[in-house]
Amino acid sequence: GALQHLNQTAAAKADDEHVALNQTQLALSGISTAAVRTATNIRDAIDTALASGKPSEVKKVIKYVNAMGQQVPADATPDVVRAAVKAVGKAIVRKPALLDQQEKAARDAGLIP
C-alpha cells in the first residue's frame, strides 16, 4: 500500500516535472503551446490518413507535403509519402518560422479543420 502510493506520487511528480521542462523549452524556443498543439493535431491527422490507406486521405497528405516544399507525385507509394512527411518535420525543426505555413498547408489540404 504505502510503497505503491509512494511510487504513484513519484510518477506524478516526474510527469509534472516533464511538463514543466517542456513548457520551459517551448518558452525558450519562442514556440507557443498552441503552435505545438496544432503541430501535434497535424501529425495525428497525417498518421490517421496514412493508416487509413484510403486514396482520398493519402491525397490530403500529398497535397500538404507538396505545399510544404516537397515534390511528391499524386501516385506516390506510402513510403515515399512518409519520407516526405519526415523531411517536412525536419525542415520545421530547423526553421520554426515554418509553423504558420504548416498550419495553412494542413488546413488547405483538409487535414485539420
Protein backbone atom coordinates (compact mmCIF):
# COMPACT_ATOMS: atom_id res chain seq x y z
CA GLY A 1 0.00 0.00 0.00
CA ALA A 2 2.45 2.67 1.17
CA LEU A 3 5.14 1.70 -1.36
CA GLN A 4 2.63 1.73 -4.19
CA HIS A 5 1.39 5.16 -3.09
CA LEU A 6 4.99 6.40 -2.97
CA ASN A 7 5.63 5.09 -6.49
CA GLN A 8 2.44 6.72 -7.80
CA THR A 9 3.38 10.01 -6.15
CA ALA A 10 6.88 9.86 -7.64
CA ALA A 11 5.47 9.09 -11.08
CA ALA A 12 3.01 12.00 -10.87
CA LYS A 13 5.81 14.32 -9.73
CA ALA A 14 8.00 13.16 -12.64
CA ASP A 15 5.14 13.85 -15.06
CA ASP A 16 4.72 17.35 -13.61
CA GLU A 17 8.47 17.98 -13.95
CA HIS A 18 8.40 16.73 -17.55
CA VAL A 19 5.51 19.08 -18.40
CA ALA A 20 7.31 21.99 -16.75
CA LEU A 21 10.51 21.20 -18.65
CA ASN A 22 8.61 21.02 -21.94
CA GLN A 23 6.95 24.36 -21.25
CA THR A 24 10.32 25.92 -20.40
CA GLN A 25 11.84 24.56 -23.60
CA LEU A 26 8.92 25.93 -25.60
CA ALA A 27 9.24 29.33 -23.95
CA LEU A 28 12.96 29.41 -24.72
CA SER A 29 12.34 28.38 -28.32
CA GLY A 30 9.65 31.02 -28.78
CA ILE A 31 7.11 28.43 -29.94
CA SER A 32 3.71 28.73 -28.28
CA THR A 33 1.93 25.78 -26.73
CA ALA A 34 -0.91 26.47 -29.19
CA ALA A 35 1.52 26.01 -32.09
CA VAL A 36 2.70 22.75 -30.58
CA ARG A 37 -0.91 21.58 -30.16
CA THR A 38 -1.61 22.44 -33.81
CA ALA A 39 1.53 20.60 -34.95
CA THR A 40 0.50 17.58 -32.87
CA ASN A 41 -3.00 17.66 -34.40
CA ILE A 42 -1.45 17.80 -37.87
CA ARG A 43 0.87 14.87 -37.09
CA ASP A 44 -2.07 12.84 -35.75
CA ALA A 45 -4.18 13.68 -38.83
CA ILE A 46 -1.33 12.59 -41.10
CA ASP A 47 -0.90 9.33 -39.18
CA THR A 48 -4.65 8.65 -39.37
CA ALA A 49 -4.79 9.48 -43.09
CA LEU A 50 -1.84 7.23 -43.94
CA ALA A 51 -3.08 4.40 -41.71
CA SER A 52 -6.49 4.50 -43.42
CA GLY A 53 -4.89 3.61 -46.75
CA LYS A 54 -7.75 5.44 -48.49
CA PRO A 55 -6.50 7.21 -51.63
CA SER A 56 -8.62 10.28 -50.80
CA GLU A 57 -6.93 10.55 -47.38
CA VAL A 58 -3.42 9.91 -48.72
CA LYS A 59 -4.01 12.63 -51.35
CA LYS A 60 -4.54 15.12 -48.49
CA VAL A 61 -1.12 14.24 -47.09
CA ILE A 62 0.47 14.55 -50.53
CA LYS A 63 -1.15 17.97 -51.02
CA TYR A 64 0.18 19.03 -47.61
CA VAL A 65 3.79 17.88 -48.16
CA ASN A 66 3.84 19.46 -51.63
CA ALA A 67 2.63 22.76 -50.14
CA MET A 68 5.49 22.46 -47.63
CA GLY A 69 8.07 22.27 -50.42
CA GLN A 70 8.37 18.55 -51.09
CA GLN A 71 7.77 17.22 -54.59
CA VAL A 72 5.63 14.11 -54.28
CA PRO A 73 3.66 12.74 -57.25
CA ALA A 74 -0.04 12.02 -56.80
CA ASP A 75 0.58 8.28 -57.22
CA ALA A 76 3.45 8.09 -54.70
CA THR A 77 3.85 4.97 -52.57
CA PRO A 78 3.13 5.24 -48.84
CA ASP A 79 6.88 5.01 -48.11
CA VAL A 80 7.61 7.98 -50.38
CA VAL A 81 4.83 9.98 -48.70
CA ARG A 82 6.13 9.09 -45.22
CA ALA A 83 9.68 10.12 -46.22
CA ALA A 84 8.31 13.48 -47.43
CA VAL A 85 6.41 13.94 -44.14
CA LYS A 86 9.67 13.28 -42.23
CA ALA A 87 11.52 15.78 -44.43
CA VAL A 88 8.87 18.42 -43.68
CA GLY A 89 9.20 17.71 -39.95
CA LYS A 90 12.98 18.11 -40.10
CA ALA A 91 12.63 21.38 -42.02
CA ILE A 92 10.26 22.74 -39.35
CA VAL A 93 12.65 21.77 -36.54
CA ARG A 94 15.44 23.64 -38.34
CA LYS A 95 13.20 26.63 -39.11
CA PRO A 96 10.29 27.04 -36.64
CA ALA A 97 9.02 30.01 -38.67
CA LEU A 98 7.55 27.34 -40.99
CA LEU A 99 4.91 26.51 -38.34
CA ASP A 100 2.49 29.11 -39.73
CA GLN A 101 2.98 27.76 -43.26
CA GLN A 102 2.49 24.22 -41.90
CA GLU A 103 -0.85 25.12 -40.35
CA LYS A 104 -2.10 26.81 -43.54
CA ALA A 105 -0.92 23.89 -45.70
CA ALA A 106 -2.64 21.36 -43.44
CA ARG A 107 -5.90 23.35 -43.44
CA ASP A 108 -5.80 23.84 -47.23
CA ALA A 109 -5.18 20.08 -47.68
CA GLY A 110 -8.16 19.24 -45.45
CA LEU A 111 -6.07 17.50 -42.77
CA ILE A 112 -7.27 19.79 -39.98
CA PRO A 113 -10.39 21.95 -39.68
